[in-house]
PDB file of N, CA and C in Angstrom:
ATOM      1  N   MET A   1     107.913 205.276 241.541  1.00  0.00           N
ATOM      2  CA  MET A   1     106.873 205.689 240.587  1.00  0.00           C
ATOM      3  C   MET A   1     107.376 206.831 239.705  1.00  0.00           C
ATOM      4  N   GLY A   2     108.061 207.799 240.349  1.00  0.00           N
ATOM      5  CA  GLY A   2     108.563 208.953 239.603  1.00  0.00           C
ATOM      6  C   GLY A   2     109.516 208.541 238.504  1.00  0.00           C
ATOM      7  N   ASN A   3     110.401 207.576 238.807  1.00  0.00           N
ATOM      8  CA  ASN A   3     111.371 207.130 237.814  1.00  0.00           C
ATOM      9  C   ASN A   3     110.686 206.487 236.617  1.00  0.00           C
ATOM     10  N   ARG A   4     109.656 205.714 236.903  1.00  0.00           N
ATOM     11  CA  ARG A   4     108.946 205.028 235.822  1.00  0.00           C
ATOM     12  C   ARG A   4     108.281 206.047 234.895  1.00  0.00           C
ATOM     13  N   LYS A   5     107.678 207.077 235.475  1.00  0.00           N
ATOM     14  CA  LYS A   5     107.008 208.100 234.676  1.00  0.00           C
ATOM     15  C   LYS A   5     108.021 208.839 233.802  1.00  0.00           C
ATOM     16  N   GLN A   6     109.176 209.153 234.380  1.00  0.00           N
ATOM     17  CA  GLN A   6     110.214 209.858 233.641  1.00  0.00           C
ATOM     18  C   GLN A   6     110.707 208.997 232.480  1.00  0.00           C
ATOM     19  N   ALA A   7     110.860 207.710 232.732  1.00  0.00           N
ATOM     20  CA  ALA A   7     111.328 206.802 231.685  1.00  0.00           C
ATOM     21  C   ALA A   7     110.315 206.729 230.542  1.00  0.00           C
ATOM     22  N   ARG A   8     109.044 206.813 230.890  1.00  0.00           N
ATOM     23  CA  ARG A   8     108.007 206.734 229.870  1.00  0.00           C
ATOM     24  C   ARG A   8     108.009 207.998 229.011  1.00  0.00           C
ATOM     25  N   GLU A   9     108.258 209.141 229.638  1.00  0.00           N
ATOM     26  CA  GLU A   9     108.262 210.404 228.893  1.00  0.00           C
ATOM     27  C   GLU A   9     109.427 210.449 227.915  1.00  0.00           C
ATOM     28  N   THR A  10     110.595 209.953 228.355  1.00  0.00           N
ATOM     29  CA  THR A  10     111.762 209.912 227.471  1.00  0.00           C
ATOM     30  C   THR A  10     112.158 208.455 227.275  1.00  0.00           C
ATOM     31  N   PRO A  11     111.526 207.789 226.299  1.00  0.00           N
ATOM     32  CA  PRO A  11     111.775 206.352 226.102  1.00  0.00           C
ATOM     33  C   PRO A  11     113.175 206.099 225.563  1.00  0.00           C
ATOM     34  N   SER A  12     113.838 205.116 226.124  1.00  0.00           N
ATOM     35  CA  SER A  12     115.155 204.743 225.641  1.00  0.00           C
ATOM     36  C   SER A  12     115.004 203.864 224.400  1.00  0.00           C
ATOM     37  N   VAL A  13     116.116 203.641 223.724  1.00  0.00           N
ATOM     38  CA  VAL A  13     116.078 202.811 222.511  1.00  0.00           C
ATOM     39  C   VAL A  13     115.577 201.413 222.853  1.00  0.00           C
ATOM     40  N   ARG A  14     116.007 200.917 224.007  1.00  0.00           N
ATOM     41  CA  ARG A  14     115.626 199.565 224.407  1.00  0.00           C
ATOM     42  C   ARG A  14     114.116 199.457 224.596  1.00  0.00           C
ATOM     43  N   SER A  15     113.506 200.456 225.239  1.00  0.00           N
ATOM     44  CA  SER A  15     112.065 200.406 225.479  1.00  0.00           C
ATOM     45  C   SER A  15     111.294 200.510 224.166  1.00  0.00           C
ATOM     46  N   ILE A  16     111.843 201.280 223.221  1.00  0.00           N
ATOM     47  CA  ILE A  16     111.189 201.403 221.915  1.00  0.00           C
ATOM     48  C   ILE A  16     111.176 200.040 221.217  1.00  0.00           C
ATOM     49  N   PHE A  17     112.333 199.368 221.246  1.00  0.00           N
ATOM     50  CA  PHE A  17     112.402 198.040 220.633  1.00  0.00           C
ATOM     51  C   PHE A  17     111.487 197.065 221.360  1.00  0.00           C
ATOM     52  N   GLN A  18     111.417 197.192 222.675  1.00  0.00           N
ATOM     53  CA  GLN A  18     110.554 196.311 223.465  1.00  0.00           C
ATOM     54  C   GLN A  18     109.099 196.494 223.061  1.00  0.00           C
ATOM     55  N   GLU A  19     108.697 197.742 222.827  1.00  0.00           N
ATOM     56  CA  GLU A  19     107.328 198.000 222.391  1.00  0.00           C
ATOM     57  C   GLU A  19     107.071 197.317 221.053  1.00  0.00           C
ATOM     58  N   GLU A  20     108.042 197.414 220.139  1.00  0.00           N
ATOM     59  CA  GLU A  20     107.896 196.771 218.832  1.00  0.00           C
ATOM     60  C   GLU A  20     107.739 195.274 218.981  1.00  0.00           C
ATOM     61  N   ILE A  21     108.527 194.684 219.888  1.00  0.00           N
ATOM     62  CA  ILE A  21     108.459 193.237 220.103  1.00  0.00           C
ATOM     63  C   ILE A  21     107.110 192.860 220.707  1.00  0.00           C
ATOM     64  N   ASP A  22     106.635 193.675 221.658  1.00  0.00           N
ATOM     65  CA  ASP A  22     105.365 193.376 222.320  1.00  0.00           C
ATOM     66  C   ASP A  22     104.207 193.416 221.328  1.00  0.00           C
ATOM     67  N   THR A  23     104.269 194.330 220.365  1.00  0.00           N
ATOM     68  CA  THR A  23     103.195 194.437 219.383  1.00  0.00           C
ATOM     69  C   THR A  23     103.370 193.354 218.319  1.00  0.00           C
ATOM     70  N   PRO A  24     102.352 192.546 218.092  1.00  0.00           N
ATOM     71  CA  PRO A  24     102.439 191.511 217.053  1.00  0.00           C
ATOM     72  C   PRO A  24     102.747 192.123 215.701  1.00  0.00           C
ATOM     73  N   ARG A  25     103.611 191.466 214.936  1.00  0.00           N
ATOM     74  CA  ARG A  25     104.045 192.011 213.651  1.00  0.00           C
ATOM     75  C   ARG A  25     102.865 192.208 212.710  1.00  0.00           C
ATOM     76  N   THR A  26     101.937 191.264 212.688  1.00  0.00           N
ATOM     77  CA  THR A  26     100.798 191.366 211.773  1.00  0.00           C
ATOM     78  C   THR A  26      99.942 192.579 212.113  1.00  0.00           C
ATOM     79  N   GLU A  27      99.770 192.825 213.405  1.00  0.00           N
ATOM     80  CA  GLU A  27      98.960 193.969 213.832  1.00  0.00           C
ATOM     81  C   GLU A  27      99.622 195.268 213.391  1.00  0.00           C
ATOM     82  N   GLN A  28     100.953 195.334 213.537  1.00  0.00           N
ATOM     83  CA  GLN A  28     101.698 196.517 213.125  1.00  0.00           C
ATOM     84  C   GLN A  28     101.519 196.769 211.635  1.00  0.00           C
ATOM     85  N   VAL A  29     101.687 195.715 210.843  1.00  0.00           N
ATOM     86  CA  VAL A  29     101.585 195.854 209.387  1.00  0.00           C
ATOM     87  C   VAL A  29     100.183 196.299 208.995  1.00  0.00           C
ATOM     88  N   SER A  30      99.171 195.710 209.616  1.00  0.00           N
ATOM     89  CA  SER A  30      97.787 196.061 209.267  1.00  0.00           C
ATOM     90  C   SER A  30      97.506 197.520 209.620  1.00  0.00           C
ATOM     91  N   LEU A  31      98.072 197.990 210.746  1.00  0.00           N
ATOM     92  CA  LEU A  31      97.884 199.387 211.138  1.00  0.00           C
ATOM     93  C   LEU A  31      98.522 200.315 210.115  1.00  0.00           C
ATOM     94  N   ILE A  32      99.728 199.953 209.660  1.00  0.00           N
ATOM     95  CA  ILE A  32     100.436 200.777 208.669  1.00  0.00           C
ATOM     96  C   ILE A  32      99.634 200.820 207.374  1.00  0.00           C
ATOM     97  N   TRP A  33      99.140 199.659 206.927  1.00  0.00           N
ATOM     98  CA  TRP A  33      98.390 199.601 205.676  1.00  0.00           C
ATOM     99  C   TRP A  33      97.078 200.369 205.795  1.00  0.00           C
ATOM    100  N   ARG A  34      96.437 200.280 206.962  1.00  0.00           N
ATOM    101  CA  ARG A  34      95.182 201.003 207.177  1.00  0.00           C
ATOM    102  C   ARG A  34      95.421 202.505 207.083  1.00  0.00           C
ATOM    103  N   HIS A  35      96.517 202.955 207.697  1.00  0.00           N
ATOM    104  CA  HIS A  35      96.849 204.383 207.665  1.00  0.00           C
ATOM    105  C   HIS A  35      97.147 204.826 206.237  1.00  0.00           C
ATOM    106  N   ALA A  36      97.904 203.992 205.501  1.00  0.00           N
ATOM    107  CA  ALA A  36      98.246 204.316 204.113  1.00  0.00           C
ATOM    108  C   ALA A  36      96.994 204.376 203.249  1.00  0.00           C
ATOM    109  N   ALA A  37      96.101 203.406 203.436  1.00  0.00           N
ATOM    110  CA  ALA A  37      94.866 203.372 202.656  1.00  0.00           C
ATOM    111  C   ALA A  37      94.009 204.590 202.957  1.00  0.00           C
ATOM    112  N   ARG A  38      93.973 204.982 204.242  1.00  0.00           N
ATOM    113  CA  ARG A  38      93.158 206.124 204.639  1.00  0.00           C
ATOM    114  C   ARG A  38      93.684 207.404 203.998  1.00  0.00           C
ATOM    115  N   SER A  39      95.011 207.587 204.017  1.00  0.00           N
ATOM    116  CA  SER A  39      95.595 208.793 203.426  1.00  0.00           C
ATOM    117  C   SER A  39      95.390 208.796 201.914  1.00  0.00           C
ATOM    118  N   LEU A  40      95.436 207.605 201.294  1.00  0.00           N
ATOM    119  CA  LEU A  40      95.212 207.512 199.853  1.00  0.00           C
ATOM    120  C   LEU A  40      93.782 207.900 199.505  1.00  0.00           C
ATOM    121  N   THR A  41      92.821 207.357 200.252  1.00  0.00           N
ATOM    122  CA  THR A  41      91.415 207.654 199.971  1.00  0.00           C
ATOM    123  C   THR A  41      91.100 209.104 200.290  1.00  0.00           C
ATOM    124  N   CYS A  42      91.796 209.667 201.297  1.00  0.00           N
ATOM    125  CA  CYS A  42      91.562 211.069 201.651  1.00  0.00           C
ATOM    126  C   CYS A  42      92.042 211.979 200.525  1.00  0.00           C
ATOM    127  N   SER A  43      93.207 211.638 199.944  1.00  0.00           N
ATOM    128  CA  SER A  43      93.751 212.476 198.870  1.00  0.00           C
ATOM    129  C   SER A  43      92.869 212.397 197.631  1.00  0.00           C
ATOM    130  N   LYS A  44      92.233 211.243 197.420  1.00  0.00           N
ATOM    131  CA  LYS A  44      91.325 211.080 196.275  1.00  0.00           C
ATOM    132  C   LYS A  44      89.886 211.179 196.774  1.00  0.00           C
ATOM    133  N   SER A  45      89.542 212.319 197.368  1.00  0.00           N
ATOM    134  CA  SER A  45      88.207 212.480 197.968  1.00  0.00           C
ATOM    135  C   SER A  45      87.118 212.517 196.910  1.00  0.00           C
ATOM    136  N   SER A  46      87.483 212.818 195.667  1.00  0.00           N
ATOM    137  CA  SER A  46      86.486 212.880 194.599  1.00  0.00           C
ATOM    138  C   SER A  46      86.044 211.478 194.172  1.00  0.00           C
ATOM    139  N   GLY A  47      86.884 210.476 194.493  1.00  0.00           N
ATOM    140  CA  GLY A  47      86.575 209.104 194.105  1.00  0.00           C
ATOM    141  C   GLY A  47      85.482 208.499 194.960  1.00  0.00           C
ATOM    142  N   ILE A  48      85.051 207.298 194.592  1.00  0.00           N
ATOM    143  CA  ILE A  48      83.984 206.607 195.318  1.00  0.00           C
ATOM    144  C   ILE A  48      84.447 206.271 196.738  1.00  0.00           C
ATOM    145  N   LEU A  49      85.690 205.743 196.846  1.00  0.00           N
ATOM    146  CA  LEU A  49      86.222 205.375 198.152  1.00  0.00           C
ATOM    147  C   LEU A  49      86.325 206.597 199.051  1.00  0.00           C
ATOM    148  N   GLY A  50      86.739 207.726 198.480  1.00  0.00           N
ATOM    149  CA  GLY A  50      86.901 208.945 199.261  1.00  0.00           C
ATOM    150  C   GLY A  50      85.582 209.409 199.858  1.00  0.00           C
ATOM    151  N   SER A  51      84.508 209.294 199.081  1.00  0.00           N
ATOM    152  CA  SER A  51      83.201 209.743 199.579  1.00  0.00           C
ATOM    153  C   SER A  51      82.691 208.821 200.688  1.00  0.00           C
ATOM    154  N   ILE A  52      83.059 207.537 200.607  1.00  0.00           N
ATOM    155  CA  ILE A  52      82.621 206.581 201.627  1.00  0.00           C
ATOM    156  C   ILE A  52      83.444 206.756 202.907  1.00  0.00           C
ATOM    157  N   THR A  53      84.776 206.850 202.729  1.00  0.00           N
ATOM    158  CA  THR A  53      85.657 206.927 203.902  1.00  0.00           C
ATOM    159  C   THR A  53      85.664 208.325 204.478  1.00  0.00           C
ATOM    160  N   ARG A  54      85.543 208.394 205.805  1.00  0.00           N
ATOM    161  CA  ARG A  54      85.638 209.689 206.490  1.00  0.00           C
ATOM    162  C   ARG A  54      87.029 209.829 207.069  1.00  0.00           C
ATOM    163  N   CYS A  55      87.657 210.969 206.837  1.00  0.00           N
ATOM    164  CA  CYS A  55      89.030 211.173 207.308  1.00  0.00           C
ATOM    165  C   CYS A  55      89.008 211.640 208.757  1.00  0.00           C
TER     166      CYS A  55
END
């Protein structure tokens, strides 16, 4: 158990790639776009979208 916890705290390159593989590509892309859209609307808080979206 201890080894597994240590590995999780300091992820190796292989585990990082494994996480990427486990996560569906479409889900990853949608998360990135959602984050980008949120930061865009946050920066333009004076706009209509900014007032609707809560950061």
